[in-house]
Amino acid sequence: MSKNYDFDNIDLKILSLLMNDAKMPYTEVAKKVFVSGGTVHVRMRKMEEMGIVRGTTLDIDYTKMGYDVTAFLGIYLEKSSLYDSVLEKLKQIPEIVRIHYTTGNYNMFLKLHCRDTKHLKDTLHDKIQKIEGIERTETTIALEESMSRHIEFGE
């Protein structure tokens, strides 16, 4: 299949509804978009096959689970060519929830959750900074997440 999917307003409305409530039944989505449940199902399956929709996730409040520190980490690699090997090792660290390959000051930028600052220090020192290919890191601790959202698709 082609990489580009030809979106129309129905697709965008379906995505908008499900981004706000991924548990909404397709039959309810269909009623709100004025199409059949089968149409929603077929379009969602097509977007999943294209890799546009990559499953559903839960929005977890990590602080309520005892993970009180959210940090962002900029990673400087010794050489850009080490990205793939460093990435594979970082993927094995459970505290890391997002990894981006970036331009600018850092080669990689990632987000992680830890129980407290000691847990963060241990994760940095004992896991991340020992990975071969990482030259150095810079850490920023988030004090509060003020907004988290998906792109709102226009009408």
N, C-alpha and C. Protein backbone atom coordinates (compact mmCIF):
# COMPACT_ATOMS: atom_id res chain seq x y z
N MET A 1 0.83 -1.19 0.00
CA MET A 1 0.00 0.00 0.00
C MET A 1 0.87 1.24 0.00
N SER A 2 0.36 2.31 -0.56
CA SER A 2 1.09 3.58 -0.62
C SER A 2 1.26 4.14 0.78
N LYS A 3 2.34 4.92 0.98
CA LYS A 3 2.60 5.50 2.29
C LYS A 3 1.58 6.56 2.66
N ASN A 4 1.06 7.28 1.67
CA ASN A 4 0.13 8.36 1.94
C ASN A 4 -1.30 7.86 1.84
N TYR A 5 -2.08 8.20 2.84
CA TYR A 5 -3.48 7.83 2.89
C TYR A 5 -4.28 9.08 2.57
N ASP A 6 -5.24 8.98 1.69
CA ASP A 6 -6.03 10.13 1.29
C ASP A 6 -7.15 10.35 2.31
N PHE A 7 -6.93 11.25 3.27
CA PHE A 7 -7.90 11.52 4.32
C PHE A 7 -9.05 12.36 3.80
N ASP A 8 -10.23 12.11 4.35
CA ASP A 8 -11.34 13.01 4.11
C ASP A 8 -11.90 13.43 5.48
N ASN A 9 -12.93 14.24 5.47
CA ASN A 9 -13.49 14.74 6.74
C ASN A 9 -14.01 13.62 7.63
N ILE A 10 -14.51 12.56 7.04
CA ILE A 10 -15.02 11.43 7.84
C ILE A 10 -13.87 10.80 8.62
N ASP A 11 -12.75 10.56 7.94
CA ASP A 11 -11.59 9.99 8.64
C ASP A 11 -11.15 10.89 9.79
N LEU A 12 -11.07 12.18 9.52
CA LEU A 12 -10.62 13.12 10.55
C LEU A 12 -11.58 13.17 11.73
N LYS A 13 -12.88 13.11 11.47
CA LYS A 13 -13.86 13.10 12.56
C LYS A 13 -13.75 11.82 13.38
N ILE A 14 -13.57 10.70 12.70
CA ILE A 14 -13.40 9.42 13.40
C ILE A 14 -12.17 9.49 14.31
N LEU A 15 -11.06 9.96 13.76
CA LEU A 15 -9.84 10.06 14.56
C LEU A 15 -10.01 11.01 15.74
N SER A 16 -10.63 12.15 15.51
CA SER A 16 -10.82 13.12 16.60
C SER A 16 -11.64 12.52 17.74
N LEU A 17 -12.72 11.83 17.40
CA LEU A 17 -13.56 11.22 18.44
C LEU A 17 -12.78 10.16 19.22
N LEU A 18 -12.05 9.31 18.50
CA LEU A 18 -11.33 8.23 19.18
C LEU A 18 -10.09 8.72 19.92
N MET A 19 -9.49 9.83 19.50
CA MET A 19 -8.36 10.39 20.25
C MET A 19 -8.84 10.92 21.60
N ASN A 20 -10.06 11.41 21.64
CA ASN A 20 -10.61 11.92 22.90
C ASN A 20 -11.13 10.81 23.78
N ASP A 21 -11.56 9.69 23.19
CA ASP A 21 -12.06 8.56 23.96
C ASP A 21 -11.84 7.29 23.15
N ALA A 22 -10.70 6.67 23.34
CA ALA A 22 -10.34 5.48 22.56
C ALA A 22 -11.25 4.29 22.86
N LYS A 23 -11.99 4.35 23.96
CA LYS A 23 -12.88 3.25 24.32
C LYS A 23 -14.28 3.41 23.71
N MET A 24 -14.52 4.51 22.99
CA MET A 24 -15.83 4.73 22.38
C MET A 24 -16.09 3.63 21.36
N PRO A 25 -17.23 2.95 21.47
CA PRO A 25 -17.56 1.90 20.49
C PRO A 25 -17.70 2.48 19.08
N TYR A 26 -17.31 1.68 18.09
CA TYR A 26 -17.42 2.13 16.71
C TYR A 26 -18.86 2.49 16.35
N THR A 27 -19.83 1.81 16.94
CA THR A 27 -21.23 2.12 16.64
C THR A 27 -21.58 3.54 17.10
N GLU A 28 -21.04 3.95 18.24
CA GLU A 28 -21.29 5.32 18.72
C GLU A 28 -20.55 6.34 17.85
N VAL A 29 -19.32 6.02 17.45
CA VAL A 29 -18.57 6.89 16.55
C VAL A 29 -19.37 7.05 15.26
N ALA A 30 -19.87 5.96 14.73
CA ALA A 30 -20.62 5.98 13.48
C ALA A 30 -21.83 6.91 13.58
N LYS A 31 -22.56 6.85 14.68
CA LYS A 31 -23.73 7.73 14.86
C LYS A 31 -23.33 9.20 14.86
N LYS A 32 -22.21 9.51 15.47
CA LYS A 32 -21.77 10.91 15.56
C LYS A 32 -21.23 11.43 14.23
N VAL A 33 -20.74 10.52 13.39
CA VAL A 33 -20.16 10.90 12.11
C VAL A 33 -21.17 10.71 10.96
N PHE A 34 -22.30 10.07 11.28
CA PHE A 34 -23.37 9.81 10.30
C PHE A 34 -22.95 8.84 9.21
N VAL A 35 -22.28 7.77 9.63
CA VAL A 35 -21.93 6.67 8.73
C VAL A 35 -22.28 5.37 9.43
N SER A 36 -22.09 4.25 8.75
CA SER A 36 -22.36 2.95 9.37
C SER A 36 -21.19 2.52 10.26
N GLY A 37 -21.48 1.63 11.18
CA GLY A 37 -20.42 1.06 12.03
C GLY A 37 -19.38 0.35 11.19
N GLY A 38 -19.84 -0.31 10.11
CA GLY A 38 -18.93 -1.01 9.21
C GLY A 38 -17.96 -0.06 8.54
N THR A 39 -18.44 1.14 8.19
CA THR A 39 -17.56 2.14 7.57
C THR A 39 -16.46 2.55 8.53
N VAL A 40 -16.82 2.78 9.79
CA VAL A 40 -15.82 3.15 10.80
C VAL A 40 -14.81 2.02 10.94
N HIS A 41 -15.29 0.80 11.03
CA HIS A 41 -14.41 -0.36 11.19
C HIS A 41 -13.44 -0.48 10.02
N VAL A 42 -13.95 -0.37 8.79
CA VAL A 42 -13.11 -0.50 7.59
C VAL A 42 -12.07 0.61 7.53
N ARG A 43 -12.49 1.84 7.82
CA ARG A 43 -11.55 2.96 7.76
C ARG A 43 -10.49 2.85 8.85
N MET A 44 -10.87 2.44 10.03
CA MET A 44 -9.88 2.28 11.11
C MET A 44 -8.90 1.16 10.77
N ARG A 45 -9.40 0.06 10.24
CA ARG A 45 -8.51 -1.05 9.87
C ARG A 45 -7.52 -0.59 8.80
N LYS A 46 -7.99 0.21 7.83
CA LYS A 46 -7.12 0.71 6.77
C LYS A 46 -6.04 1.62 7.37
N MET A 47 -6.43 2.49 8.32
CA MET A 47 -5.45 3.39 8.94
C MET A 47 -4.47 2.62 9.82
N GLU A 48 -4.91 1.52 10.42
CA GLU A 48 -3.99 0.67 11.19
C GLU A 48 -3.01 -0.02 10.26
N GLU A 49 -3.49 -0.55 9.14
CA GLU A 49 -2.60 -1.20 8.17
C GLU A 49 -1.56 -0.24 7.62
N MET A 50 -1.94 1.02 7.47
CA MET A 50 -1.02 2.04 6.96
C MET A 50 -0.03 2.50 8.03
N GLY A 51 -0.27 2.14 9.28
CA GLY A 51 0.60 2.58 10.37
C GLY A 51 0.25 3.95 10.89
N ILE A 52 -0.87 4.51 10.45
CA ILE A 52 -1.30 5.82 10.94
C ILE A 52 -1.80 5.68 12.38
N VAL A 53 -2.63 4.68 12.61
CA VAL A 53 -3.11 4.37 13.96
C VAL A 53 -2.29 3.19 14.44
N ARG A 54 -1.65 3.36 15.59
CA ARG A 54 -0.76 2.31 16.11
C ARG A 54 -1.30 1.75 17.41
N GLY A 55 -2.54 1.35 17.42
CA GLY A 55 -3.13 0.76 18.61
C GLY A 55 -3.70 1.83 19.51
N THR A 56 -4.08 1.41 20.70
CA THR A 56 -4.63 2.33 21.68
C THR A 56 -3.77 2.28 22.93
N THR A 57 -3.78 3.36 23.68
CA THR A 57 -2.98 3.41 24.90
C THR A 57 -3.83 3.95 26.04
N LEU A 58 -3.37 3.72 27.24
CA LEU A 58 -4.00 4.29 28.42
C LEU A 58 -3.26 5.55 28.80
N ASP A 59 -3.97 6.55 29.28
CA ASP A 59 -3.34 7.77 29.77
C ASP A 59 -3.14 7.58 31.28
N ILE A 60 -1.91 7.31 31.66
CA ILE A 60 -1.58 6.97 33.05
C ILE A 60 -1.11 8.20 33.81
N ASP A 61 -1.63 8.39 35.01
CA ASP A 61 -1.11 9.42 35.91
C ASP A 61 -0.04 8.75 36.76
N TYR A 62 1.21 8.89 36.34
CA TYR A 62 2.31 8.19 36.99
C TYR A 62 2.50 8.63 38.44
N THR A 63 2.17 9.87 38.77
CA THR A 63 2.33 10.33 40.15
C THR A 63 1.44 9.53 41.10
N LYS A 64 0.27 9.13 40.64
CA LYS A 64 -0.64 8.34 41.48
C LYS A 64 -0.15 6.91 41.66
N MET A 65 0.85 6.54 40.87
CA MET A 65 1.45 5.22 41.00
C MET A 65 2.81 5.29 41.71
N GLY A 66 3.13 6.48 42.24
CA GLY A 66 4.38 6.62 43.00
C GLY A 66 5.56 7.08 42.17
N TYR A 67 5.36 7.45 40.92
CA TYR A 67 6.44 7.97 40.08
C TYR A 67 6.30 9.48 40.05
N ASP A 68 6.91 10.14 41.03
CA ASP A 68 6.72 11.57 41.25
C ASP A 68 7.64 12.47 40.43
N VAL A 69 8.64 11.90 39.75
CA VAL A 69 9.59 12.70 38.98
C VAL A 69 9.49 12.35 37.50
N THR A 70 9.19 13.37 36.70
CA THR A 70 9.25 13.25 35.24
C THR A 70 10.43 14.09 34.80
N ALA A 71 11.28 13.49 34.00
CA ALA A 71 12.48 14.20 33.55
C ALA A 71 12.63 14.07 32.04
N PHE A 72 13.30 15.05 31.47
CA PHE A 72 13.65 15.04 30.05
C PHE A 72 15.16 15.00 29.99
N LEU A 73 15.68 14.20 29.08
CA LEU A 73 17.11 13.97 29.03
C LEU A 73 17.62 14.20 27.61
N GLY A 74 18.57 15.12 27.48
CA GLY A 74 19.25 15.32 26.21
C GLY A 74 20.51 14.48 26.21
N ILE A 75 20.70 13.72 25.16
CA ILE A 75 21.86 12.82 25.08
C ILE A 75 22.76 13.26 23.93
N TYR A 76 24.03 13.42 24.25
CA TYR A 76 25.06 13.67 23.26
C TYR A 76 25.75 12.34 22.97
N LEU A 77 25.76 11.95 21.72
CA LEU A 77 26.45 10.71 21.34
C LEU A 77 27.89 11.01 20.94
N GLU A 78 28.76 10.03 21.14
CA GLU A 78 30.15 10.17 20.70
C GLU A 78 30.19 10.35 19.18
N LYS A 79 29.34 9.58 18.47
CA LYS A 79 29.21 9.69 17.01
C LYS A 79 27.75 9.40 16.67
N SER A 80 27.22 10.13 15.70
CA SER A 80 25.83 9.91 15.27
C SER A 80 25.61 8.48 14.79
N SER A 81 26.64 7.86 14.26
CA SER A 81 26.51 6.49 13.75
C SER A 81 26.20 5.48 14.86
N LEU A 82 26.35 5.88 16.11
CA LEU A 82 26.06 4.97 17.23
C LEU A 82 24.60 5.01 17.65
N TYR A 83 23.79 5.81 16.97
CA TYR A 83 22.39 5.99 17.35
C TYR A 83 21.65 4.66 17.50
N ASP A 84 21.71 3.80 16.49
CA ASP A 84 20.93 2.55 16.54
C ASP A 84 21.32 1.66 17.71
N SER A 85 22.60 1.54 17.99
CA SER A 85 23.02 0.67 19.10
C SER A 85 22.65 1.28 20.44
N VAL A 86 22.76 2.60 20.58
CA VAL A 86 22.36 3.27 21.82
C VAL A 86 20.85 3.15 21.99
N LEU A 87 20.10 3.35 20.92
CA LEU A 87 18.64 3.25 20.97
C LEU A 87 18.21 1.88 21.49
N GLU A 88 18.79 0.82 20.98
CA GLU A 88 18.41 -0.53 21.42
C GLU A 88 18.66 -0.73 22.91
N LYS A 89 19.74 -0.16 23.44
CA LYS A 89 20.03 -0.29 24.87
C LYS A 89 19.09 0.57 25.70
N LEU A 90 18.76 1.77 25.21
CA LEU A 90 17.84 2.64 25.94
C LEU A 90 16.44 2.03 26.01
N LYS A 91 16.04 1.33 24.96
CA LYS A 91 14.71 0.69 24.94
C LYS A 91 14.55 -0.34 26.05
N GLN A 92 15.65 -0.84 26.58
CA GLN A 92 15.61 -1.85 27.63
C GLN A 92 15.43 -1.25 29.02
N ILE A 93 15.47 0.07 29.14
CA ILE A 93 15.35 0.74 30.44
C ILE A 93 13.88 1.10 30.66
N PRO A 94 13.21 0.46 31.61
CA PRO A 94 11.76 0.63 31.75
C PRO A 94 11.31 2.04 32.13
N GLU A 95 12.15 2.82 32.76
CA GLU A 95 11.76 4.18 33.15
C GLU A 95 11.59 5.12 31.95
N ILE A 96 12.23 4.79 30.84
CA ILE A 96 12.17 5.63 29.64
C ILE A 96 10.88 5.34 28.89
N VAL A 97 10.10 6.41 28.62
CA VAL A 97 8.82 6.22 27.94
C VAL A 97 8.78 6.80 26.52
N ARG A 98 9.69 7.71 26.19
CA ARG A 98 9.75 8.29 24.85
C ARG A 98 11.21 8.54 24.48
N ILE A 99 11.51 8.29 23.20
CA ILE A 99 12.86 8.55 22.69
C ILE A 99 12.71 9.21 21.32
N HIS A 100 13.41 10.31 21.14
CA HIS A 100 13.39 11.02 19.86
C HIS A 100 14.81 11.20 19.35
N TYR A 101 14.99 11.04 18.05
CA TYR A 101 16.25 11.36 17.36
C TYR A 101 16.09 12.80 16.92
N THR A 102 16.99 13.69 17.32
CA THR A 102 16.76 15.12 17.15
C THR A 102 17.90 15.82 16.43
N THR A 103 17.58 17.04 16.00
CA THR A 103 18.59 17.96 15.51
C THR A 103 18.85 18.96 16.64
N GLY A 104 19.81 19.82 16.47
CA GLY A 104 20.08 20.82 17.51
C GLY A 104 21.17 20.36 18.44
N ASN A 105 21.04 20.74 19.71
CA ASN A 105 22.10 20.45 20.68
C ASN A 105 22.29 18.96 20.95
N TYR A 106 21.20 18.21 20.98
CA TYR A 106 21.28 16.80 21.37
C TYR A 106 21.10 15.90 20.16
N ASN A 107 21.68 14.70 20.24
CA ASN A 107 21.41 13.68 19.24
C ASN A 107 20.09 12.98 19.54
N MET A 108 19.82 12.83 20.84
CA MET A 108 18.61 12.14 21.28
C MET A 108 17.98 12.94 22.42
N PHE A 109 16.66 12.87 22.48
CA PHE A 109 15.94 13.55 23.55
C PHE A 109 14.90 12.56 24.05
N LEU A 110 14.85 12.35 25.35
CA LEU A 110 13.93 11.34 25.87
C LEU A 110 13.22 11.80 27.12
N LYS A 111 12.15 11.09 27.42
CA LYS A 111 11.32 11.37 28.59
C LYS A 111 11.33 10.12 29.46
N LEU A 112 11.45 10.33 30.76
CA LEU A 112 11.42 9.20 31.68
C LEU A 112 10.69 9.55 32.96
N HIS A 113 10.19 8.53 33.62
CA HIS A 113 9.49 8.69 34.90
C HIS A 113 10.24 7.89 35.96
N CYS A 114 10.43 8.53 37.14
CA CYS A 114 11.09 7.87 38.26
C CYS A 114 10.30 8.13 39.53
N ARG A 115 10.52 7.29 40.53
CA ARG A 115 9.80 7.43 41.80
C ARG A 115 10.19 8.71 42.53
N ASP A 116 11.49 9.02 42.53
CA ASP A 116 11.99 10.19 43.24
C ASP A 116 13.34 10.56 42.65
N THR A 117 13.99 11.58 43.21
CA THR A 117 15.26 12.04 42.64
C THR A 117 16.37 11.01 42.81
N LYS A 118 16.32 10.21 43.86
CA LYS A 118 17.34 9.15 44.02
C LYS A 118 17.18 8.11 42.91
N HIS A 119 15.96 7.72 42.65
CA HIS A 119 15.68 6.77 41.57
C HIS A 119 16.16 7.35 40.23
N LEU A 120 15.92 8.65 40.01
CA LEU A 120 16.39 9.31 38.79
C LEU A 120 17.91 9.26 38.71
N LYS A 121 18.57 9.61 39.81
CA LYS A 121 20.05 9.59 39.84
C LYS A 121 20.57 8.18 39.55
N ASP A 122 19.97 7.19 40.17
CA ASP A 122 20.41 5.80 39.95
C ASP A 122 20.18 5.37 38.50
N THR A 123 19.04 5.76 37.92
CA THR A 123 18.75 5.41 36.53
C THR A 123 19.76 6.06 35.60
N LEU A 124 20.06 7.33 35.85
CA LEU A 124 21.05 8.03 35.03
C LEU A 124 22.43 7.41 35.18
N HIS A 125 22.87 7.27 36.41
CA HIS A 125 24.24 6.82 36.69
C HIS A 125 24.45 5.34 36.38
N ASP A 126 23.51 4.50 36.82
CA ASP A 126 23.72 3.05 36.72
C ASP A 126 23.25 2.43 35.41
N LYS A 127 22.37 3.12 34.70
CA LYS A 127 21.83 2.53 33.48
C LYS A 127 22.19 3.35 32.24
N ILE A 128 21.77 4.60 32.19
CA ILE A 128 21.89 5.39 30.96
C ILE A 128 23.33 5.80 30.67
N GLN A 129 24.00 6.41 31.63
CA GLN A 129 25.33 6.95 31.37
C GLN A 129 26.41 5.88 31.20
N LYS A 130 26.07 4.63 31.46
CA LYS A 130 27.02 3.54 31.26
C LYS A 130 26.92 2.94 29.86
N ILE A 131 25.97 3.41 29.08
CA ILE A 131 25.80 2.87 27.72
C ILE A 131 26.93 3.36 26.83
N GLU A 132 27.59 2.41 26.17
CA GLU A 132 28.68 2.74 25.28
C GLU A 132 28.15 3.58 24.11
N GLY A 133 28.81 4.70 23.86
CA GLY A 133 28.42 5.58 22.78
C GLY A 133 27.81 6.89 23.27
N ILE A 134 27.39 6.91 24.55
CA ILE A 134 26.85 8.15 25.11
C ILE A 134 28.02 8.96 25.65
N GLU A 135 28.19 10.15 25.12
CA GLU A 135 29.28 11.02 25.55
C GLU A 135 28.91 11.73 26.86
N ARG A 136 27.71 12.35 26.87
CA ARG A 136 27.23 13.01 28.09
C ARG A 136 25.74 13.24 27.97
N THR A 137 25.13 13.63 29.08
CA THR A 137 23.70 13.88 29.12
C THR A 137 23.40 15.19 29.84
N GLU A 138 22.24 15.76 29.56
CA GLU A 138 21.73 16.92 30.29
C GLU A 138 20.31 16.60 30.70
N THR A 139 20.00 16.81 31.97
CA THR A 139 18.70 16.44 32.51
C THR A 139 17.91 17.67 32.93
N THR A 140 16.62 17.66 32.61
CA THR A 140 15.70 18.69 33.06
C THR A 140 14.54 17.98 33.75
N ILE A 141 14.22 18.41 34.96
CA ILE A 141 13.10 17.83 35.69
C ILE A 141 11.87 18.69 35.47
N ALA A 142 10.77 18.04 35.11
CA ALA A 142 9.50 18.75 34.92
C ALA A 142 8.85 18.98 36.29
N LEU A 143 8.40 20.20 36.52
CA LEU A 143 7.71 20.52 37.77
C LEU A 143 6.21 20.21 37.67
N GLU A 144 5.67 20.31 36.45
CA GLU A 144 4.25 20.07 36.24
C GLU A 144 3.99 19.90 34.76
N GLU A 145 3.08 19.00 34.41
CA GLU A 145 2.63 18.91 33.02
C GLU A 145 1.36 19.74 32.92
N SER A 146 1.43 20.83 32.20
CA SER A 146 0.31 21.75 32.12
C SER A 146 -0.65 21.42 30.98
N MET A 147 -0.16 20.70 30.00
CA MET A 147 -1.01 20.34 28.88
C MET A 147 -0.47 19.10 28.18
N SER A 148 -1.36 18.24 27.76
CA SER A 148 -1.01 17.09 26.93
C SER A 148 -2.21 16.85 26.04
N ARG A 149 -1.99 16.90 24.73
CA ARG A 149 -3.12 16.73 23.84
C ARG A 149 -2.67 16.20 22.49
N HIS A 150 -3.66 15.80 21.72
CA HIS A 150 -3.45 15.42 20.33
C HIS A 150 -3.74 16.64 19.47
N ILE A 151 -3.31 16.61 18.24
CA ILE A 151 -3.66 17.65 17.29
C ILE A 151 -5.17 17.58 17.07
N GLU A 152 -5.82 18.73 17.12
CA GLU A 152 -7.25 18.78 16.83
C GLU A 152 -7.40 19.02 15.33
N PHE A 153 -8.09 18.09 14.67
CA PHE A 153 -8.30 18.21 13.24
C PHE A 153 -9.51 19.10 12.99
N GLY A 154 -9.35 20.04 12.09
CA GLY A 154 -10.41 21.00 11.77
C GLY A 154 -11.60 20.34 11.10
N GLU A 155 -12.66 21.04 11.13
CA GLU A 155 -13.91 20.58 10.51
C GLU A 155 -13.83 20.70 9.02
